[in-house]
C-alpha atoms as a PDB file:
ATOM      1  CA  MET A   1     -26.731  17.844  -9.029  1.00  0.00           C
ATOM      2  CA  ILE A   2     -24.105  15.059 -10.719  1.00  0.00           C
ATOM      3  CA  PRO A   3     -21.727  14.268  -8.440  1.00  0.00           C
ATOM      4  CA  LEU A   4     -18.199  13.709  -9.313  1.00  0.00           C
ATOM      5  CA  ALA A   5     -17.348   9.872  -8.729  1.00  0.00           C
ATOM      6  CA  ARG A   6     -14.288   7.999 -10.359  1.00  0.00           C
ATOM      7  CA  ILE A   7     -11.754   5.295  -9.894  1.00  0.00           C
ATOM      8  CA  VAL A   8      -8.468   6.106 -11.036  1.00  0.00           C
ATOM      9  CA  GLU A   9      -4.547   5.045 -11.149  1.00  0.00           C
ATOM     10  CA  GLN A  10      -3.452   8.828 -10.517  1.00  0.00           C
ATOM     11  CA  PRO A  11      -2.748  10.356  -7.662  1.00  0.00           C
ATOM     12  CA  LEU A  12      -5.782  12.078  -6.174  1.00  0.00           C
ATOM     13  CA  ASP A  13      -6.431  15.889  -5.630  1.00  0.00           C
ATOM     14  CA  LEU A  14      -7.819  17.667  -3.026  1.00  0.00           C
ATOM     15  CA  ASP A  15      -8.329  20.709  -4.295  1.00  0.00           C
ATOM     16  CA  ALA A  16      -9.987  19.416  -7.441  1.00  0.00           C
ATOM     17  CA  HIS A  17     -12.640  17.670  -5.087  1.00  0.00           C
ATOM     18  CA  LEU A  18     -12.795  20.645  -2.989  1.00  0.00           C
ATOM     19  CA  ASP A  19     -13.774  23.182  -6.053  1.00  0.00           C
ATOM     20  CA  ALA A  20     -16.682  20.487  -7.703  1.00  0.00           C
ATOM     21  CA  VAL A  21     -18.700  20.960  -4.866  1.00  0.00           C
ATOM     22  CA  ARG A  22     -18.185  24.820  -4.476  1.00  0.00           C
ATOM     23  CA  ASP A  23     -21.411  26.868  -4.610  1.00  0.00           C
ATOM     24  CA  PRO A  24     -22.514  30.072  -3.220  1.00  0.00           C
ATOM     25  CA  ARG A  25     -25.135  28.041  -1.652  1.00  0.00           C
ATOM     26  CA  ALA A  26     -22.645  26.296   0.359  1.00  0.00           C
ATOM     27  CA  GLY A  27     -22.008  27.102   3.905  1.00  0.00           C
ATOM     28  CA  ALA A  28     -19.502  24.067   4.107  1.00  0.00           C
ATOM     29  CA  ILE A  29     -17.966  21.435   2.581  1.00  0.00           C
ATOM     30  CA  ALA A  30     -16.960  18.262   5.009  1.00  0.00           C
ATOM     31  CA  THR A  31     -13.989  16.087   3.512  1.00  0.00           C
ATOM     32  CA  PHE A  32     -12.727  13.066   4.251  1.00  0.00           C
ATOM     33  CA  VAL A  33      -8.892  11.688   3.056  1.00  0.00           C
ATOM     34  CA  GLY A  34      -8.096   8.516   3.869  1.00  0.00           C
ATOM     35  CA  LEU A  35      -4.123   8.024   4.103  1.00  0.00           C
ATOM     36  CA  VAL A  36      -2.159   4.775   3.712  1.00  0.00           C
ATOM     37  CA  ARG A  37      -0.549   3.834   7.049  1.00  0.00           C
ATOM     38  CA  ASP A  38       2.162   2.189   7.996  1.00  0.00           C
ATOM     39  CA  HIS A  39       0.525  -0.550  10.093  1.00  0.00           C
ATOM     40  CA  ASP A  40      -2.681  -2.516  10.786  1.00  0.00           C
ATOM     41  CA  PRO A  41      -3.532  -3.951  14.157  1.00  0.00           C
ATOM     42  CA  SER A  42      -4.618  -7.030  12.858  1.00  0.00           C
ATOM     43  CA  VAL A  43      -2.270  -7.833  11.265  1.00  0.00           C
ATOM     44  CA  ALA A  44       1.747  -8.357  12.308  1.00  0.00           C
ATOM     45  CA  GLY A  45       4.671  -5.941  10.652  1.00  0.00           C
ATOM     46  CA  GLU A  46       5.783  -2.765   9.355  1.00  0.00           C
ATOM     47  CA  VAL A  47       3.323  -2.230   6.135  1.00  0.00           C
ATOM     48  CA  VAL A  48       4.733  -0.661   3.329  1.00  0.00           C
ATOM     49  CA  ALA A  49       2.171  -0.345   0.837  1.00  0.00           C
ATOM     50  CA  LEU A  50      -1.452  -1.167  -0.479  1.00  0.00           C
ATOM     51  CA  GLU A  51      -2.396  -2.928  -3.809  1.00  0.00           C
ATOM     52  CA  TYR A  52      -5.819  -1.683  -4.527  1.00  0.00           C
ATOM     53  CA  THR A  53      -7.638  -3.949  -7.213  1.00  0.00           C
ATOM     54  CA  ALA A  54     -11.297  -3.009  -8.407  1.00  0.00           C
ATOM     55  CA  HIS A  55     -14.137  -4.914 -10.111  1.00  0.00           C
ATOM     56  CA  PRO A  56     -14.654  -3.737 -13.704  1.00  0.00           C
ATOM     57  CA  ASP A  57     -18.134  -3.071 -12.215  1.00  0.00           C
ATOM     58  CA  ALA A  58     -16.532  -0.585  -9.490  1.00  0.00           C
ATOM     59  CA  GLU A  59     -16.688   3.163 -10.764  1.00  0.00           C
ATOM     60  CA  GLN A  60     -20.626   1.976 -11.491  1.00  0.00           C
ATOM     61  CA  VAL A  61     -20.907   1.760  -8.122  1.00  0.00           C
ATOM     62  CA  LEU A  62     -19.340   4.040  -6.821  1.00  0.00           C
ATOM     63  CA  ARG A  63     -21.123   5.905  -9.023  1.00  0.00           C
ATOM     64  CA  ARG A  64     -24.510   4.762  -7.568  1.00  0.00           C
ATOM     65  CA  LEU A  65     -23.251   5.577  -4.801  1.00  0.00           C
ATOM     66  CA  ALA A  66     -22.662   8.897  -4.566  1.00  0.00           C
ATOM     67  CA  ALA A  67     -25.954   9.828  -6.474  1.00  0.00           C
ATOM     68  CA  GLU A  68     -27.439   8.306  -3.619  1.00  0.00           C
ATOM     69  CA  ALA A  69     -25.660  10.681  -1.078  1.00  0.00           C
ATOM     70  CA  ALA A  70     -26.211  13.236  -3.366  1.00  0.00           C
ATOM     71  CA  ALA A  71     -30.191  12.517  -3.454  1.00  0.00           C
ATOM     72  CA  ASP A  72     -29.995  14.145   0.281  1.00  0.00           C
ATOM     73  CA  ALA A  73     -31.719  17.520   0.160  1.00  0.00           C
ATOM     74  CA  ASP A  74     -29.078  19.361   2.003  1.00  0.00           C
ATOM     75  CA  VAL A  75     -26.381  18.157  -0.569  1.00  0.00           C
ATOM     76  CA  ILE A  76     -25.402  20.617  -2.711  1.00  0.00           C
ATOM     77  CA  GLY A  77     -22.450  19.138  -3.868  1.00  0.00           C
ATOM     78  CA  LEU A  78     -20.051  15.604  -4.019  1.00  0.00           C
ATOM     79  CA  ALA A  79     -16.814  14.229  -5.128  1.00  0.00           C
ATOM     80  CA  VAL A  80     -15.345  11.251  -4.739  1.00  0.00           C
ATOM     81  CA  SER A  81     -12.761   9.469  -5.348  1.00  0.00           C
ATOM     82  CA  HIS A  82     -11.012   5.909  -4.680  1.00  0.00           C
ATOM     83  CA  ARG A  83      -7.622   5.139  -6.313  1.00  0.00           C
ATOM     84  CA  VAL A  84      -6.448   1.355  -7.545  1.00  0.00           C
ATOM     85  CA  GLY A  85      -3.275   0.596  -7.320  1.00  0.00           C
ATOM     86  CA  ARG A  86      -0.108   0.206  -5.915  1.00  0.00           C
ATOM     87  CA  LEU A  87       0.278   2.979  -2.745  1.00  0.00           C
ATOM     88  CA  PRO A  88       2.997   3.754  -1.121  1.00  0.00           C
ATOM     89  CA  VAL A  89       2.526   5.117   3.025  1.00  0.00           C
ATOM     90  CA  GLY A  90       1.133   8.321   2.935  1.00  0.00           C
ATOM     91  CA  HIS A  91      -0.424   8.580  -0.335  1.00  0.00           C
ATOM     92  CA  THR A  92      -3.975   9.461  -0.168  1.00  0.00           C
ATOM     93  CA  ALA A  93      -6.095   5.935  -1.568  1.00  0.00           C
ATOM     94  CA  ILE A  94      -9.840   7.654  -1.106  1.00  0.00           C
ATOM     95  CA  VAL A  95     -11.026  11.678  -1.048  1.00  0.00           C
ATOM     96  CA  VAL A  96     -14.739  12.595  -0.475  1.00  0.00           C
ATOM     97  CA  ALA A  97     -15.911  16.305  -0.362  1.00  0.00           C
ATOM     98  CA  VAL A  98     -19.513  17.399   0.721  1.00  0.00           C
ATOM     99  CA  SER A  99     -21.005  20.397   0.404  1.00  0.00           C
ATOM    100  CA  SER A 100     -23.982  22.012   2.304  1.00  0.00           C
ATOM    101  CA  ALA A 101     -25.498  25.188   3.535  1.00  0.00           C
ATOM    102  CA  HIS A 102     -24.656  24.151   6.973  1.00  0.00           C
ATOM    103  CA  ARG A 103     -21.687  21.993   8.171  1.00  0.00           C
ATOM    104  CA  SER A 104     -23.287  19.716  10.742  1.00  0.00           C
ATOM    105  CA  ARG A 105     -25.331  17.904   7.171  1.00  0.00           C
ATOM    106  CA  ALA A 106     -22.153  18.232   5.304  1.00  0.00           C
ATOM    107  CA  PHE A 107     -20.279  15.988   7.828  1.00  0.00           C
ATOM    108  CA  GLU A 108     -23.142  13.661   8.614  1.00  0.00           C
ATOM    109  CA  VAL A 109     -23.409  13.402   4.785  1.00  0.00           C
ATOM    110  CA  CYS A 110     -19.470  12.468   4.659  1.00  0.00           C
ATOM    111  CA  ARG A 111     -18.978  10.244   7.109  1.00  0.00           C
ATOM    112  CA  ALA A 112     -21.986   8.306   5.750  1.00  0.00           C
ATOM    113  CA  LEU A 113     -20.787   7.935   2.309  1.00  0.00           C
ATOM    114  CA  VAL A 114     -16.918   6.708   3.668  1.00  0.00           C
ATOM    115  CA  GLU A 115     -18.745   4.467   5.690  1.00  0.00           C
ATOM    116  CA  THR A 116     -21.144   2.903   2.526  1.00  0.00           C
ATOM    117  CA  VAL A 117     -17.996   2.974   0.185  1.00  0.00           C
ATOM    118  CA  LYS A 118     -15.919   0.913   2.706  1.00  0.00           C
ATOM    119  CA  ALA A 119     -18.654  -1.542   2.933  1.00  0.00           C
ATOM    120  CA  GLU A 120     -20.325  -2.192  -0.390  1.00  0.00           C
ATOM    121  CA  LEU A 121     -17.158  -0.956  -3.128  1.00  0.00           C
ATOM    122  CA  PRO A 122     -16.205  -3.190  -4.918  1.00  0.00           C
ATOM    123  CA  VAL A 123     -12.285  -2.659  -4.518  1.00  0.00           C
ATOM    124  CA  TRP A 124      -9.972  -5.236  -2.856  1.00  0.00           C
ATOM    125  CA  LYS A 125      -6.677  -4.176  -0.613  1.00  0.00           C
ATOM    126  CA  ARG A 126      -3.059  -6.124  -0.519  1.00  0.00           C
ATOM    127  CA  GLU A 127      -1.222  -5.486   2.207  1.00  0.00           C
ATOM    128  CA  ILE A 128       2.364  -5.292   1.053  1.00  0.00           C
ATOM    129  CA  LEU A 129       4.841  -5.559   4.579  1.00  0.00           C
ATOM    130  CA  LEU A 130       8.541  -5.435   4.884  1.00  0.00           C
ATOM    131  CA  ASP A 131       9.340  -8.548   5.431  1.00  0.00           C
ATOM    132  CA  GLY A 132       7.987  -8.375   1.926  1.00  0.00           C
ATOM    133  CA  THR A 133       4.974 -10.930   2.771  1.00  0.00           C
ATOM    134  CA  HIS A 134       1.274 -10.198   1.820  1.00  0.00           C
ATOM    135  CA  THR A 135      -1.758 -10.247   3.498  1.00  0.00           C
ATOM    136  CA  TRP A 136      -5.508  -9.402   1.228  1.00  0.00           C
ATOM    137  CA  VAL A 137      -7.884  -7.736   3.598  1.00  0.00           C
ATOM    138  CA  GLY A 138     -11.207  -8.745   3.576  1.00  0.00           C
ATOM    139  CA  LEU A 139     -10.554 -11.540   2.182  1.00  0.00           C
ATOM    140  CA  ASP A 140     -10.313 -15.426   3.561  1.00  0.00           C
ATOM    141  CA  THR A 141      -6.744 -15.385   5.150  1.00  0.00           C
ATOM    142  CA  SER A 142      -5.871 -19.375   3.980  1.00  0.00           C
ATOM    143  CA  ALA A 143      -4.697 -16.918   1.103  1.00  0.00           C
ATOM    144  CA  ASP A 144      -2.004 -14.885   2.148  1.00  0.00           C
ATOM    145  CA  GLN A 145       1.007 -15.938   0.786  1.00  0.00           C
ATOM    146  CA  THR A 146       4.949 -14.985   1.137  1.00  0.00           C
END
């Protein structure tokens, strides 16, 4: 099985991810949809958008992470996509779908992949605040600009 793994500028489609992992052997599909929210507890101010920037090798890294997760013997199908570009509040930043014969393994692999992507994917986000300032998440805050 070759998992679907991509970095895109276009809006993400949950149904396309579900279709990519459907299989007669699957008894469960676990999904994760990461949305842009209007706040960050570590930042003062209202978030109005996120801007995601990816390293040129990001899709290759995502494919490797997906392949590693899909190598689990219980995984029947796996699909993961991450957006780049400017995303307003409410838009989808990441979608993960994992199918398995049983729900518990689908949930476990889905969650593990989300955490691995968050930790290892070379994609950075900049929070755009209502007052026009911005904050890079995960970078040295001395680089913040107004």
